[in-house]
Structure formats: structure tokens, C-alpha cells
């Protein structure tokens, strides 16, 4: 089973984006996941990590839930 962590910037108001990512991943891969955790952060962070390895980072990639889902699929 797989653990996913979505770290998001609280002061930036990224909770809605993090929640959207979380819901999309649970819909697609819910039966293959141990957990999808939201992790609070700051300094503009919005990342998705699969088993501790960052597979998507807002600072490097555009925000696209479908693209994030594809990245996670490649990692699991």
C-alpha cells in the first residue's frame, strides 16, 4: 500500500487546492492507498509526495489536478 502526503501553504490559502488533489487521488486510487494526508506548510509550498518522494511541486509544474493524478499513477 502507498502513502501520499500533500503539503500546502496555510498562509497562501492553498487548502482548497490541496483538498481538490486529495479528493481526486482518493477517487482514482483509494483502494491502493494507505492514506492521503494533508500536511500544513508555509513559504508558498504545494507538493505531492508518494512514499516520501516528491512527484509534483507547484514551484516547478503548473497546477493541473489531472497531471498530478498521472504523476501519482506513474509512482504507484
N, C-alpha and C. Protein backbone atom coordinates (compact mmCIF):
# COMPACT_ATOMS: atom_id res chain seq x y z
N UNK A 1 0.84 -1.19 0.00
CA UNK A 1 0.00 0.00 0.00
C UNK A 1 0.89 1.25 0.00
N UNK A 2 0.29 2.35 -0.38
CA UNK A 2 1.02 3.58 -0.63
C UNK A 2 0.54 4.70 0.29
N UNK A 3 1.47 5.55 0.70
CA UNK A 3 1.15 6.73 1.49
C UNK A 3 1.45 7.98 0.66
N UNK A 4 0.48 8.87 0.61
CA UNK A 4 0.65 10.13 -0.11
C UNK A 4 0.51 11.28 0.87
N UNK A 5 1.43 12.24 0.75
CA UNK A 5 1.35 13.46 1.56
C UNK A 5 1.28 14.66 0.63
N UNK A 6 0.32 15.52 0.91
CA UNK A 6 0.15 16.76 0.17
C UNK A 6 0.47 17.89 1.14
N UNK A 7 1.61 18.53 0.93
CA UNK A 7 1.98 19.65 1.79
C UNK A 7 1.53 20.94 1.12
N UNK A 8 0.86 21.80 1.90
CA UNK A 8 0.31 23.02 1.32
C UNK A 8 0.59 24.21 2.24
N UNK A 9 0.69 25.37 1.64
CA UNK A 9 0.96 26.62 2.36
C UNK A 9 -0.34 27.14 2.97
N UNK A 10 -0.36 27.19 4.30
CA UNK A 10 -1.54 27.69 5.00
C UNK A 10 -1.73 29.19 4.77
N UNK A 11 -0.68 30.03 4.98
CA UNK A 11 -0.87 31.47 4.78
C UNK A 11 -1.29 31.84 3.34
N UNK A 12 -0.92 31.01 2.37
CA UNK A 12 -1.24 31.30 0.97
C UNK A 12 -2.68 30.91 0.62
N UNK A 13 -3.33 30.16 1.49
CA UNK A 13 -4.69 29.73 1.22
C UNK A 13 -4.79 28.57 0.24
N UNK A 14 -3.80 27.68 0.26
CA UNK A 14 -3.78 26.55 -0.67
C UNK A 14 -4.58 25.34 -0.18
N UNK A 15 -5.33 25.46 0.90
CA UNK A 15 -6.10 24.33 1.42
C UNK A 15 -7.09 23.81 0.37
N UNK A 16 -7.78 24.69 -0.34
CA UNK A 16 -8.75 24.24 -1.35
C UNK A 16 -8.07 23.43 -2.44
N UNK A 17 -6.92 23.89 -2.91
CA UNK A 17 -6.19 23.14 -3.94
C UNK A 17 -5.74 21.78 -3.39
N UNK A 18 -5.20 21.77 -2.18
CA UNK A 18 -4.75 20.52 -1.56
C UNK A 18 -5.92 19.55 -1.41
N UNK A 19 -7.07 20.06 -1.01
CA UNK A 19 -8.26 19.22 -0.87
C UNK A 19 -8.73 18.66 -2.21
N UNK A 20 -8.67 19.49 -3.25
CA UNK A 20 -9.04 19.02 -4.60
C UNK A 20 -8.13 17.89 -5.05
N UNK A 21 -6.83 18.04 -4.81
CA UNK A 21 -5.87 17.00 -5.16
C UNK A 21 -6.17 15.73 -4.36
N UNK A 22 -6.40 15.89 -3.05
CA UNK A 22 -6.69 14.75 -2.19
C UNK A 22 -7.92 13.98 -2.68
N UNK A 23 -8.99 14.69 -2.97
CA UNK A 23 -10.21 14.03 -3.43
C UNK A 23 -9.99 13.31 -4.76
N UNK A 24 -9.28 13.92 -5.68
CA UNK A 24 -9.02 13.29 -6.97
C UNK A 24 -8.21 12.00 -6.79
N UNK A 25 -7.21 12.05 -5.92
CA UNK A 25 -6.38 10.86 -5.70
C UNK A 25 -7.16 9.76 -5.00
N UNK A 26 -8.00 10.11 -4.06
CA UNK A 26 -8.81 9.10 -3.37
C UNK A 26 -9.82 8.47 -4.33
N UNK A 27 -10.40 9.27 -5.22
CA UNK A 27 -11.33 8.73 -6.21
C UNK A 27 -10.63 7.75 -7.15
N UNK A 28 -9.44 8.11 -7.60
CA UNK A 28 -8.73 7.29 -8.57
C UNK A 28 -8.06 6.05 -7.96
N UNK A 29 -7.46 6.22 -6.78
CA UNK A 29 -6.59 5.17 -6.25
C UNK A 29 -6.95 4.73 -4.84
N UNK A 30 -8.12 5.07 -4.36
CA UNK A 30 -8.48 4.82 -2.97
C UNK A 30 -8.23 3.42 -2.48
N UNK A 31 -8.45 2.42 -3.32
CA UNK A 31 -8.27 1.03 -2.89
C UNK A 31 -6.81 0.62 -2.82
N UNK A 32 -5.90 1.46 -3.35
CA UNK A 32 -4.47 1.14 -3.34
C UNK A 32 -3.67 1.99 -2.36
N UNK A 33 -4.36 2.82 -1.60
CA UNK A 33 -3.67 3.78 -0.73
C UNK A 33 -3.89 3.46 0.74
N UNK A 34 -2.82 3.61 1.52
CA UNK A 34 -2.96 3.53 2.97
C UNK A 34 -3.57 4.82 3.50
N UNK A 35 -3.04 5.94 2.98
CA UNK A 35 -3.56 7.24 3.41
C UNK A 35 -3.15 8.32 2.43
N UNK A 36 -3.94 9.38 2.43
CA UNK A 36 -3.61 10.60 1.71
C UNK A 36 -3.72 11.71 2.75
N UNK A 37 -2.57 12.19 3.21
CA UNK A 37 -2.53 13.14 4.32
C UNK A 37 -2.29 14.56 3.82
N UNK A 38 -2.97 15.51 4.43
CA UNK A 38 -2.71 16.92 4.21
C UNK A 38 -1.74 17.38 5.29
N UNK A 39 -0.65 18.01 4.87
CA UNK A 39 0.40 18.45 5.78
C UNK A 39 0.53 19.96 5.66
N UNK A 40 0.41 20.66 6.77
CA UNK A 40 0.49 22.12 6.73
C UNK A 40 1.94 22.58 6.51
N UNK A 41 2.06 23.68 5.77
CA UNK A 41 3.37 24.25 5.50
C UNK A 41 3.25 25.75 5.30
N UNK A 42 4.33 26.35 4.81
CA UNK A 42 4.34 27.78 4.55
C UNK A 42 5.30 28.08 3.40
N UNK A 43 5.60 29.34 3.20
CA UNK A 43 6.53 29.78 2.15
C UNK A 43 6.10 29.35 0.75
N UNK A 44 4.79 29.28 0.49
CA UNK A 44 4.28 29.01 -0.84
C UNK A 44 4.32 27.55 -1.29
N UNK A 45 4.56 26.65 -0.36
CA UNK A 45 4.70 25.24 -0.72
C UNK A 45 3.37 24.62 -1.14
N UNK A 46 3.41 23.80 -2.17
CA UNK A 46 2.32 22.91 -2.55
C UNK A 46 2.98 21.75 -3.28
N UNK A 47 3.12 20.62 -2.59
CA UNK A 47 3.80 19.46 -3.16
C UNK A 47 2.99 18.20 -2.91
N UNK A 48 3.25 17.20 -3.74
CA UNK A 48 2.65 15.88 -3.56
C UNK A 48 3.80 14.87 -3.51
N UNK A 49 3.83 14.08 -2.43
CA UNK A 49 4.87 13.07 -2.26
C UNK A 49 4.23 11.70 -2.15
N UNK A 50 4.83 10.73 -2.84
CA UNK A 50 4.40 9.34 -2.77
C UNK A 50 5.48 8.57 -2.04
N UNK A 51 5.13 8.00 -0.90
CA UNK A 51 6.08 7.27 -0.06
C UNK A 51 7.36 8.08 0.18
N UNK A 52 7.18 9.38 0.46
CA UNK A 52 8.29 10.25 0.80
C UNK A 52 9.03 10.89 -0.36
N UNK A 53 8.72 10.51 -1.58
CA UNK A 53 9.37 11.08 -2.75
C UNK A 53 8.44 12.07 -3.45
N UNK A 54 8.90 13.31 -3.60
CA UNK A 54 8.08 14.34 -4.23
C UNK A 54 7.92 14.02 -5.72
N UNK A 55 6.66 13.92 -6.14
CA UNK A 55 6.36 13.63 -7.55
C UNK A 55 5.79 14.84 -8.28
N UNK A 56 5.36 15.85 -7.51
CA UNK A 56 4.84 17.08 -8.11
C UNK A 56 5.12 18.23 -7.16
N UNK A 57 5.56 19.36 -7.73
CA UNK A 57 5.88 20.55 -6.94
C UNK A 57 5.38 21.77 -7.69
N UNK A 58 4.54 22.56 -7.03
CA UNK A 58 3.96 23.75 -7.66
C UNK A 58 5.03 24.70 -8.18
N UNK A 59 6.17 24.76 -7.52
CA UNK A 59 7.22 25.69 -7.95
C UNK A 59 7.86 25.29 -9.26
N UNK A 60 7.65 24.02 -9.68
CA UNK A 60 8.25 23.54 -10.92
C UNK A 60 7.22 23.22 -12.00
N UNK A 61 5.98 22.94 -11.60
CA UNK A 61 4.95 22.49 -12.53
C UNK A 61 3.68 23.31 -12.35
N UNK A 62 2.90 23.42 -13.41
CA UNK A 62 1.63 24.11 -13.34
C UNK A 62 0.61 23.31 -12.53
N UNK A 63 -0.35 24.01 -11.95
CA UNK A 63 -1.39 23.34 -11.16
C UNK A 63 -2.43 22.75 -12.10
N UNK A 64 -2.44 21.43 -12.18
CA UNK A 64 -3.39 20.70 -13.02
C UNK A 64 -3.66 19.37 -12.33
N UNK A 65 -4.84 19.22 -11.77
CA UNK A 65 -5.16 18.03 -10.97
C UNK A 65 -5.01 16.77 -11.81
N UNK A 66 -5.39 16.81 -13.09
CA UNK A 66 -5.24 15.62 -13.94
C UNK A 66 -3.77 15.25 -14.13
N UNK A 67 -2.92 16.25 -14.32
CA UNK A 67 -1.49 15.98 -14.48
C UNK A 67 -0.89 15.43 -13.18
N UNK A 68 -1.34 15.95 -12.06
CA UNK A 68 -0.86 15.45 -10.77
C UNK A 68 -1.28 13.99 -10.60
N UNK A 69 -2.51 13.67 -10.96
CA UNK A 69 -3.00 12.30 -10.87
C UNK A 69 -2.17 11.36 -11.74
N UNK A 70 -1.80 11.82 -12.93
CA UNK A 70 -0.95 11.00 -13.81
C UNK A 70 0.42 10.76 -13.18
N UNK A 71 0.99 11.78 -12.56
CA UNK A 71 2.29 11.63 -11.90
C UNK A 71 2.21 10.61 -10.77
N UNK A 72 1.13 10.67 -10.00
CA UNK A 72 0.96 9.71 -8.91
C UNK A 72 0.79 8.31 -9.48
N UNK A 73 0.01 8.17 -10.55
CA UNK A 73 -0.20 6.86 -11.17
C UNK A 73 1.14 6.24 -11.57
N UNK A 74 2.03 7.04 -12.12
CA UNK A 74 3.36 6.55 -12.53
C UNK A 74 4.17 6.07 -11.34
N UNK A 75 3.92 6.63 -10.17
CA UNK A 75 4.69 6.30 -8.98
C UNK A 75 4.15 5.14 -8.17
N UNK A 76 2.88 4.80 -8.43
CA UNK A 76 2.32 3.68 -7.67
C UNK A 76 2.13 2.50 -8.59
